[in-house]
Structure formats: C-alpha cells, structure tokens
Amino acid sequence: MNEQQIPTPTDAELEILQALWAKSPESVRYVNDLINSRRNPEQHVGYTTTLKQMQVMMEKGLLTREIIERNHLYSPAQEQKETQAQVVQELADLAFEGSAYSLVLRALGSGQTTPEELAKIKAFIQEIEQQKQ
C-alpha cells in the first residue's frame, strides 16, 4: 500500500472504481456510459457529475490520470484487493467492533451464499489452517 493511506471510497466512488478495475485506463465517457448501462434510466448520472466525481477521486488519491494526445485516461490508484480489504476492515471496525468472526457470520447467515461459494469458503479456510500449521 502507499506510504499515505488512501481514504476509504464512498459508494459512488466504489461504483467508478468497479468500472475501472474491469478495464483501465479509461475515459470519463466510458465510465459514465458503463455506470448508466447498469442503472435504471431514472437513476442515470450525467457526464459532468461523473467527471467531477472522478476529479475529486484524483485529489483524494483514489485515481490516477494520464493524458495521451489530449485524452484524459483514469486508473485506480490501488488494486481491487487492497481497496476491498480496506472497506472490509472499516466495516468490521464500525459495525462489528473489529470482529472478523461476527462479520463473516452475518455475511454467511444472510442466506445469499450459494453452495459454490460455500465450497470455495471451506477450501479457503482449509488453506489458511494449513498455512498456520
């Protein structure tokens, strides 16, 4: 991670980061079009709103920008795994008093976990147990 920790992204910032983790570097137009393609028409965001949000994200250190032949292309400043770990840690701290156990129990107890996901989780737990031996 960077020397100075990047702030935890907001929901709107995570939506932009998701688009850029899938494909980057990319333009504001691409990100705006992708976000709107995933939303109901009543929830579409304007280009200038996305532009301003991405400029703010750059100032906060969440995005980087390169200018190629007058095209402004943006990329996430850190890897998806790093940001996810930061978001999960903040959620655990805020809502579960820092307990990963409580967070995982709540997530698994939500009823949205598929049998395939449960099998992967079990395999992951076994892998962690083997590493600690």
N, C-alpha and C. Protein backbone atom coordinates (compact mmCIF):
# COMPACT_ATOMS: atom_id res chain seq x y z
N MET A 1 0.84 -1.17 0.00
CA MET A 1 0.00 0.00 0.00
C MET A 1 0.88 1.23 0.00
N ASN A 2 0.35 2.35 -0.39
CA ASN A 2 1.10 3.60 -0.43
C ASN A 2 1.52 3.99 0.97
N GLU A 3 2.55 4.89 1.04
CA GLU A 3 3.00 5.37 2.35
C GLU A 3 1.85 6.04 3.08
N GLN A 4 1.11 6.88 2.37
CA GLN A 4 -0.04 7.54 2.97
C GLN A 4 -1.28 6.75 2.57
N GLN A 5 -2.07 6.33 3.55
CA GLN A 5 -3.23 5.51 3.25
C GLN A 5 -4.28 6.29 2.46
N ILE A 6 -4.78 5.64 1.44
CA ILE A 6 -5.83 6.22 0.61
C ILE A 6 -7.13 6.13 1.38
N PRO A 7 -7.97 7.19 1.33
CA PRO A 7 -9.24 7.14 2.08
C PRO A 7 -10.16 6.04 1.56
N THR A 8 -11.00 5.55 2.44
CA THR A 8 -11.98 4.54 2.05
C THR A 8 -12.98 5.18 1.10
N PRO A 9 -13.22 4.55 -0.06
CA PRO A 9 -14.14 5.14 -1.03
C PRO A 9 -15.60 5.08 -0.59
N THR A 10 -16.36 6.07 -1.05
CA THR A 10 -17.80 6.09 -0.83
C THR A 10 -18.47 5.10 -1.79
N ASP A 11 -19.77 4.91 -1.65
CA ASP A 11 -20.50 4.02 -2.55
C ASP A 11 -20.36 4.48 -4.01
N ALA A 12 -20.52 5.77 -4.25
CA ALA A 12 -20.41 6.30 -5.61
C ALA A 12 -19.00 6.11 -6.16
N GLU A 13 -18.01 6.29 -5.30
CA GLU A 13 -16.63 6.10 -5.73
C GLU A 13 -16.34 4.64 -6.02
N LEU A 14 -16.92 3.74 -5.23
CA LEU A 14 -16.74 2.31 -5.49
C LEU A 14 -17.34 1.91 -6.83
N GLU A 15 -18.43 2.52 -7.20
CA GLU A 15 -19.06 2.23 -8.49
C GLU A 15 -18.11 2.61 -9.63
N ILE A 16 -17.45 3.73 -9.50
CA ILE A 16 -16.48 4.16 -10.51
C ILE A 16 -15.26 3.24 -10.50
N LEU A 17 -14.79 2.90 -9.31
CA LEU A 17 -13.64 2.00 -9.21
C LEU A 17 -13.94 0.64 -9.83
N GLN A 18 -15.15 0.12 -9.62
CA GLN A 18 -15.53 -1.17 -10.22
C GLN A 18 -15.37 -1.12 -11.74
N ALA A 19 -15.83 -0.03 -12.33
CA ALA A 19 -15.72 0.12 -13.79
C ALA A 19 -14.25 0.13 -14.21
N LEU A 20 -13.42 0.83 -13.46
CA LEU A 20 -12.01 0.95 -13.83
C LEU A 20 -11.19 -0.29 -13.48
N TRP A 21 -11.59 -1.05 -12.46
CA TRP A 21 -10.89 -2.30 -12.20
C TRP A 21 -11.15 -3.29 -13.32
N ALA A 22 -12.31 -3.22 -13.92
CA ALA A 22 -12.64 -4.13 -15.03
C ALA A 22 -11.85 -3.78 -16.28
N LYS A 23 -11.61 -2.46 -16.48
CA LYS A 23 -10.90 -2.03 -17.68
C LYS A 23 -10.32 -0.65 -17.44
N SER A 24 -9.02 -0.57 -17.46
CA SER A 24 -8.37 0.73 -17.30
C SER A 24 -7.02 0.71 -17.99
N PRO A 25 -6.50 1.86 -18.35
CA PRO A 25 -7.07 3.18 -18.12
C PRO A 25 -8.24 3.43 -19.06
N GLU A 26 -9.15 4.28 -18.61
CA GLU A 26 -10.33 4.61 -19.41
C GLU A 26 -10.73 6.06 -19.22
N SER A 27 -11.58 6.51 -20.13
CA SER A 27 -12.07 7.89 -20.13
C SER A 27 -13.29 8.04 -19.22
N VAL A 28 -13.59 9.29 -18.91
CA VAL A 28 -14.79 9.59 -18.13
C VAL A 28 -16.03 9.13 -18.90
N ARG A 29 -16.03 9.34 -20.21
CA ARG A 29 -17.18 8.94 -21.04
C ARG A 29 -17.43 7.44 -20.90
N TYR A 30 -16.38 6.63 -20.99
CA TYR A 30 -16.53 5.18 -20.86
C TYR A 30 -17.13 4.84 -19.50
N VAL A 31 -16.57 5.41 -18.43
CA VAL A 31 -17.04 5.11 -17.08
C VAL A 31 -18.50 5.52 -16.91
N ASN A 32 -18.83 6.72 -17.38
CA ASN A 32 -20.21 7.22 -17.27
C ASN A 32 -21.18 6.32 -18.04
N ASP A 33 -20.81 5.94 -19.25
CA ASP A 33 -21.68 5.07 -20.05
C ASP A 33 -21.87 3.71 -19.39
N LEU A 34 -20.79 3.16 -18.83
CA LEU A 34 -20.88 1.85 -18.17
C LEU A 34 -21.77 1.92 -16.93
N ILE A 35 -21.58 2.93 -16.12
CA ILE A 35 -22.40 3.09 -14.92
C ILE A 35 -23.87 3.21 -15.31
N ASN A 36 -24.17 4.03 -16.31
CA ASN A 36 -25.56 4.22 -16.73
C ASN A 36 -26.15 2.96 -17.36
N SER A 37 -25.32 2.13 -17.97
CA SER A 37 -25.82 0.88 -18.56
C SER A 37 -26.27 -0.11 -17.49
N ARG A 38 -25.78 0.08 -16.27
CA ARG A 38 -26.12 -0.81 -15.16
C ARG A 38 -27.26 -0.28 -14.30
N ARG A 39 -27.77 0.89 -14.63
CA ARG A 39 -28.80 1.54 -13.81
C ARG A 39 -30.11 1.66 -14.58
N ASN A 40 -31.19 1.85 -13.82
CA ASN A 40 -32.47 2.19 -14.42
C ASN A 40 -32.35 3.60 -15.01
N PRO A 41 -33.08 3.89 -16.08
CA PRO A 41 -33.00 5.23 -16.69
C PRO A 41 -33.27 6.37 -15.70
N GLU A 42 -34.12 6.13 -14.72
CA GLU A 42 -34.42 7.18 -13.74
C GLU A 42 -33.22 7.48 -12.84
N GLN A 43 -32.26 6.56 -12.79
CA GLN A 43 -31.11 6.71 -11.91
C GLN A 43 -29.83 7.09 -12.65
N HIS A 44 -29.94 7.41 -13.94
CA HIS A 44 -28.75 7.76 -14.71
C HIS A 44 -28.07 8.99 -14.13
N VAL A 45 -26.76 9.01 -14.24
CA VAL A 45 -25.98 10.17 -13.81
C VAL A 45 -25.43 10.86 -15.05
N GLY A 46 -25.32 12.17 -14.96
CA GLY A 46 -24.81 12.95 -16.08
C GLY A 46 -23.30 12.84 -16.20
N TYR A 47 -22.82 13.12 -17.39
CA TYR A 47 -21.38 13.08 -17.67
C TYR A 47 -20.63 14.02 -16.73
N THR A 48 -21.12 15.23 -16.56
CA THR A 48 -20.41 16.20 -15.74
C THR A 48 -20.36 15.77 -14.26
N THR A 49 -21.38 15.05 -13.82
CA THR A 49 -21.36 14.53 -12.45
C THR A 49 -20.26 13.50 -12.30
N THR A 50 -20.15 12.60 -13.27
CA THR A 50 -19.11 11.58 -13.23
C THR A 50 -17.73 12.22 -13.34
N LEU A 51 -17.60 13.21 -14.21
CA LEU A 51 -16.34 13.92 -14.37
C LEU A 51 -15.91 14.55 -13.05
N LYS A 52 -16.80 15.28 -12.41
CA LYS A 52 -16.47 15.94 -11.15
C LYS A 52 -16.10 14.92 -10.08
N GLN A 53 -16.87 13.82 -10.01
CA GLN A 53 -16.58 12.77 -9.03
C GLN A 53 -15.19 12.19 -9.25
N MET A 54 -14.83 11.96 -10.50
CA MET A 54 -13.51 11.39 -10.80
C MET A 54 -12.39 12.39 -10.52
N GLN A 55 -12.65 13.67 -10.72
CA GLN A 55 -11.66 14.69 -10.38
C GLN A 55 -11.43 14.72 -8.86
N VAL A 56 -12.51 14.64 -8.11
CA VAL A 56 -12.41 14.59 -6.64
C VAL A 56 -11.65 13.34 -6.21
N MET A 57 -11.95 12.22 -6.85
CA MET A 57 -11.27 10.97 -6.51
C MET A 57 -9.77 11.07 -6.79
N MET A 58 -9.40 11.80 -7.83
CA MET A 58 -7.98 12.03 -8.12
C MET A 58 -7.33 12.82 -7.00
N GLU A 59 -8.01 13.87 -6.56
CA GLU A 59 -7.49 14.71 -5.48
C GLU A 59 -7.33 13.91 -4.19
N LYS A 60 -8.23 12.96 -3.95
CA LYS A 60 -8.18 12.14 -2.75
C LYS A 60 -7.15 11.02 -2.86
N GLY A 61 -6.62 10.79 -4.05
CA GLY A 61 -5.63 9.73 -4.25
C GLY A 61 -6.22 8.40 -4.63
N LEU A 62 -7.52 8.37 -4.95
CA LEU A 62 -8.18 7.11 -5.34
C LEU A 62 -7.93 6.76 -6.81
N LEU A 63 -7.69 7.77 -7.64
CA LEU A 63 -7.46 7.56 -9.06
C LEU A 63 -6.16 8.24 -9.49
N THR A 64 -5.61 7.74 -10.59
CA THR A 64 -4.51 8.40 -11.26
C THR A 64 -4.98 8.77 -12.66
N ARG A 65 -4.31 9.72 -13.29
CA ARG A 65 -4.71 10.15 -14.63
C ARG A 65 -3.47 10.30 -15.49
N GLU A 66 -3.61 9.87 -16.73
CA GLU A 66 -2.57 10.12 -17.72
C GLU A 66 -3.24 10.80 -18.91
N ILE A 67 -2.51 11.71 -19.52
CA ILE A 67 -3.03 12.44 -20.67
C ILE A 67 -2.27 11.97 -21.90
N ILE A 68 -3.03 11.39 -22.83
CA ILE A 68 -2.45 10.88 -24.07
C ILE A 68 -3.17 11.55 -25.22
N GLU A 69 -2.43 12.38 -25.95
CA GLU A 69 -3.00 13.10 -27.09
C GLU A 69 -4.32 13.77 -26.74
N ARG A 70 -4.33 14.54 -25.69
CA ARG A 70 -5.48 15.30 -25.22
C ARG A 70 -6.59 14.44 -24.61
N ASN A 71 -6.39 13.14 -24.53
CA ASN A 71 -7.35 12.26 -23.88
C ASN A 71 -6.93 12.04 -22.43
N HIS A 72 -7.86 12.26 -21.51
CA HIS A 72 -7.61 12.05 -20.10
C HIS A 72 -8.08 10.64 -19.75
N LEU A 73 -7.15 9.80 -19.36
CA LEU A 73 -7.46 8.40 -19.04
C LEU A 73 -7.17 8.14 -17.57
N TYR A 74 -8.13 7.52 -16.90
CA TYR A 74 -8.06 7.31 -15.46
C TYR A 74 -7.87 5.83 -15.14
N SER A 75 -7.19 5.61 -14.01
CA SER A 75 -6.97 4.25 -13.49
C SER A 75 -7.09 4.29 -11.97
N PRO A 76 -7.45 3.17 -11.36
CA PRO A 76 -7.47 3.11 -9.89
C PRO A 76 -6.05 3.28 -9.36
N ALA A 77 -5.92 3.95 -8.24
CA ALA A 77 -4.60 4.16 -7.64
C ALA A 77 -4.10 2.92 -6.90
N GLN A 78 -5.01 2.04 -6.50
CA GLN A 78 -4.59 0.81 -5.85
C GLN A 78 -5.40 -0.36 -6.38
N GLU A 79 -4.87 -1.54 -6.16
CA GLU A 79 -5.51 -2.76 -6.64
C GLU A 79 -6.85 -2.99 -5.96
N GLN A 80 -7.72 -3.73 -6.63
CA GLN A 80 -9.05 -4.03 -6.10
C GLN A 80 -8.96 -4.73 -4.75
N LYS A 81 -8.06 -5.69 -4.61
CA LYS A 81 -7.93 -6.45 -3.35
C LYS A 81 -7.57 -5.53 -2.20
N GLU A 82 -6.70 -4.56 -2.45
CA GLU A 82 -6.31 -3.63 -1.38
C GLU A 82 -7.49 -2.79 -0.92
N THR A 83 -8.26 -2.29 -1.87
CA THR A 83 -9.42 -1.46 -1.53
C THR A 83 -10.47 -2.30 -0.82
N GLN A 84 -10.71 -3.52 -1.31
CA GLN A 84 -11.68 -4.39 -0.67
C GLN A 84 -11.27 -4.68 0.78
N ALA A 85 -10.00 -4.95 1.00
CA ALA A 85 -9.52 -5.22 2.36
C ALA A 85 -9.75 -4.00 3.26
N GLN A 86 -9.52 -2.82 2.72
CA GLN A 86 -9.72 -1.59 3.48
C GLN A 86 -11.19 -1.39 3.82
N VAL A 87 -12.08 -1.62 2.86
CA VAL A 87 -13.51 -1.47 3.08
C VAL A 87 -14.02 -2.48 4.10
N VAL A 88 -13.56 -3.73 3.98
CA VAL A 88 -13.98 -4.77 4.91
C VAL A 88 -13.49 -4.46 6.33
N GLN A 89 -12.25 -4.00 6.44
CA GLN A 89 -11.72 -3.67 7.77
C GLN A 89 -12.52 -2.53 8.40
N GLU A 90 -12.84 -1.52 7.60
CA GLU A 90 -13.63 -0.40 8.13
C GLU A 90 -15.02 -0.86 8.55
N LEU A 91 -15.64 -1.72 7.74
CA LEU A 91 -16.95 -2.25 8.08
C LEU A 91 -16.88 -3.07 9.38
N ALA A 92 -15.86 -3.91 9.47
CA ALA A 92 -15.69 -4.72 10.69
C ALA A 92 -15.51 -3.82 11.90
N ASP A 93 -14.70 -2.78 11.76
CA ASP A 93 -14.46 -1.87 12.87
C ASP A 93 -15.73 -1.12 13.27
N LEU A 94 -16.46 -0.61 12.27
CA LEU A 94 -17.63 0.22 12.55
C LEU A 94 -18.84 -0.56 13.02
N ALA A 95 -19.12 -1.67 12.38
CA ALA A 95 -20.37 -2.38 12.63
C ALA A 95 -20.22 -3.63 13.50
N PHE A 96 -19.00 -4.15 13.60
CA PHE A 96 -18.81 -5.43 14.29
C PHE A 96 -17.73 -5.36 15.36
N GLU A 97 -17.45 -4.17 15.85
CA GLU A 97 -16.45 -3.96 16.89
C GLU A 97 -15.12 -4.62 16.57
N GLY A 98 -14.76 -4.61 15.28
CA GLY A 98 -13.49 -5.16 14.85
C GLY A 98 -13.46 -6.67 14.71
N SER A 99 -14.59 -7.34 14.91
CA SER A 99 -14.63 -8.80 14.89
C SER A 99 -14.87 -9.35 13.48
N ALA A 100 -13.84 -9.95 12.91
CA ALA A 100 -13.99 -10.60 11.60
C ALA A 100 -14.97 -11.77 11.71
N TYR A 101 -14.94 -12.44 12.84
CA TYR A 101 -15.84 -13.57 13.10
C TYR A 101 -17.30 -13.13 12.97
N SER A 102 -17.66 -12.05 13.64
CA SER A 102 -19.05 -11.56 13.59
C SER A 102 -19.44 -11.12 12.18
N LEU A 103 -18.51 -10.47 11.51
CA LEU A 103 -18.78 -10.02 10.14
C LEU A 103 -19.05 -11.21 9.22
N VAL A 104 -18.19 -12.22 9.31
CA VAL A 104 -18.34 -13.40 8.45
C VAL A 104 -19.63 -14.15 8.78
N LEU A 105 -19.95 -14.29 10.06
CA LEU A 105 -21.20 -14.97 10.44
C LEU A 105 -22.41 -14.24 9.87
N ARG A 106 -22.41 -12.92 9.96
CA ARG A 106 -23.52 -12.13 9.43
C ARG A 106 -23.61 -12.27 7.91
N ALA A 107 -22.46 -12.23 7.24
CA ALA A 107 -22.45 -12.35 5.78
C ALA A 107 -22.94 -13.73 5.34
N LEU A 108 -22.47 -14.78 6.01
CA LEU A 108 -22.88 -16.13 5.64
C LEU A 108 -24.32 -16.42 6.04
N GLY A 109 -24.79 -15.79 7.09
CA GLY A 109 -26.15 -16.01 7.56
C GLY A 109 -27.20 -15.23 6.80
N SER A 110 -26.78 -14.44 5.83
CA SER A 110 -27.73 -13.61 5.09
C SER A 110 -28.60 -14.43 4.14
N GLY A 111 -28.21 -15.67 3.90
CA GLY A 111 -29.00 -16.52 3.01
C GLY A 111 -28.70 -16.30 1.54
N GLN A 112 -27.70 -15.50 1.23
CA GLN A 112 -27.39 -15.20 -0.17
C GLN A 112 -26.16 -15.95 -0.66
N THR A 113 -25.59 -16.79 0.18
CA THR A 113 -24.40 -17.54 -0.19
C THR A 113 -24.79 -18.79 -0.96
N THR A 114 -24.22 -18.96 -2.15
CA THR A 114 -24.53 -20.13 -2.98
C THR A 114 -23.72 -21.33 -2.50
N PRO A 115 -24.16 -22.54 -2.83
CA PRO A 115 -23.37 -23.73 -2.48
C PRO A 115 -21.94 -23.68 -3.04
N GLU A 116 -21.79 -23.12 -4.23
CA GLU A 116 -20.46 -23.00 -4.83
C GLU A 116 -19.58 -22.06 -4.01
N GLU A 117 -20.15 -20.95 -3.56
CA GLU A 117 -19.39 -20.01 -2.74
C GLU A 117 -19.02 -20.65 -1.41
N LEU A 118 -19.94 -21.40 -0.82
CA LEU A 118 -19.64 -22.08 0.45
C LEU A 118 -18.49 -23.07 0.27
N ALA A 119 -18.47 -23.79 -0.84
CA ALA A 119 -17.39 -24.75 -1.10
C ALA A 119 -16.05 -24.01 -1.21
N LYS A 120 -16.04 -22.86 -1.88
CA LYS A 120 -14.81 -22.07 -2.00
C LYS A 120 -14.37 -21.54 -0.64
N ILE A 121 -15.32 -21.14 0.17
CA ILE A 121 -15.01 -20.62 1.51
C ILE A 121 -14.39 -21.73 2.36
N LYS A 122 -14.97 -22.94 2.29
CA LYS A 122 -14.43 -24.06 3.05
C LYS A 122 -12.99 -24.38 2.61
N ALA A 123 -12.76 -24.37 1.31
CA ALA A 123 -11.42 -24.64 0.79
C ALA A 123 -10.44 -23.55 1.23
N PHE A 124 -10.89 -22.32 1.26
CA PHE A 124 -10.05 -21.21 1.69
C PHE A 124 -9.69 -21.34 3.16
N ILE A 125 -10.66 -21.72 3.98
CA ILE A 125 -10.41 -21.91 5.42
C ILE A 125 -9.39 -23.03 5.62
N GLN A 126 -9.55 -24.13 4.89
CA GLN A 126 -8.59 -25.24 5.00
C GLN A 126 -7.19 -24.79 4.59
N GLU A 127 -7.10 -23.97 3.57
CA GLU A 127 -5.80 -23.46 3.12
C GLU A 127 -5.15 -22.59 4.21
N ILE A 128 -5.95 -21.74 4.84
CA ILE A 128 -5.43 -20.89 5.93
C ILE A 128 -4.97 -21.75 7.09
N GLU A 129 -5.75 -22.76 7.45
CA GLU A 129 -5.39 -23.64 8.55
C GLU A 129 -4.08 -24.36 8.28
N GLN A 130 -3.88 -24.81 7.04
CA GLN A 130 -2.65 -25.50 6.67
C GLN A 130 -1.45 -24.58 6.73
N GLN A 131 -1.64 -23.31 6.37
CA GLN A 131 -0.53 -22.34 6.41
C GLN A 131 -0.12 -22.04 7.84
N LYS A 132 -1.05 -22.13 8.78
CA LYS A 132 -0.75 -21.80 10.18
C LYS A 132 -0.14 -22.98 10.93
N GLN A 133 -0.07 -24.15 10.31
CA GLN A 133 0.48 -25.33 10.99
C GLN A 133 1.96 -25.39 10.82
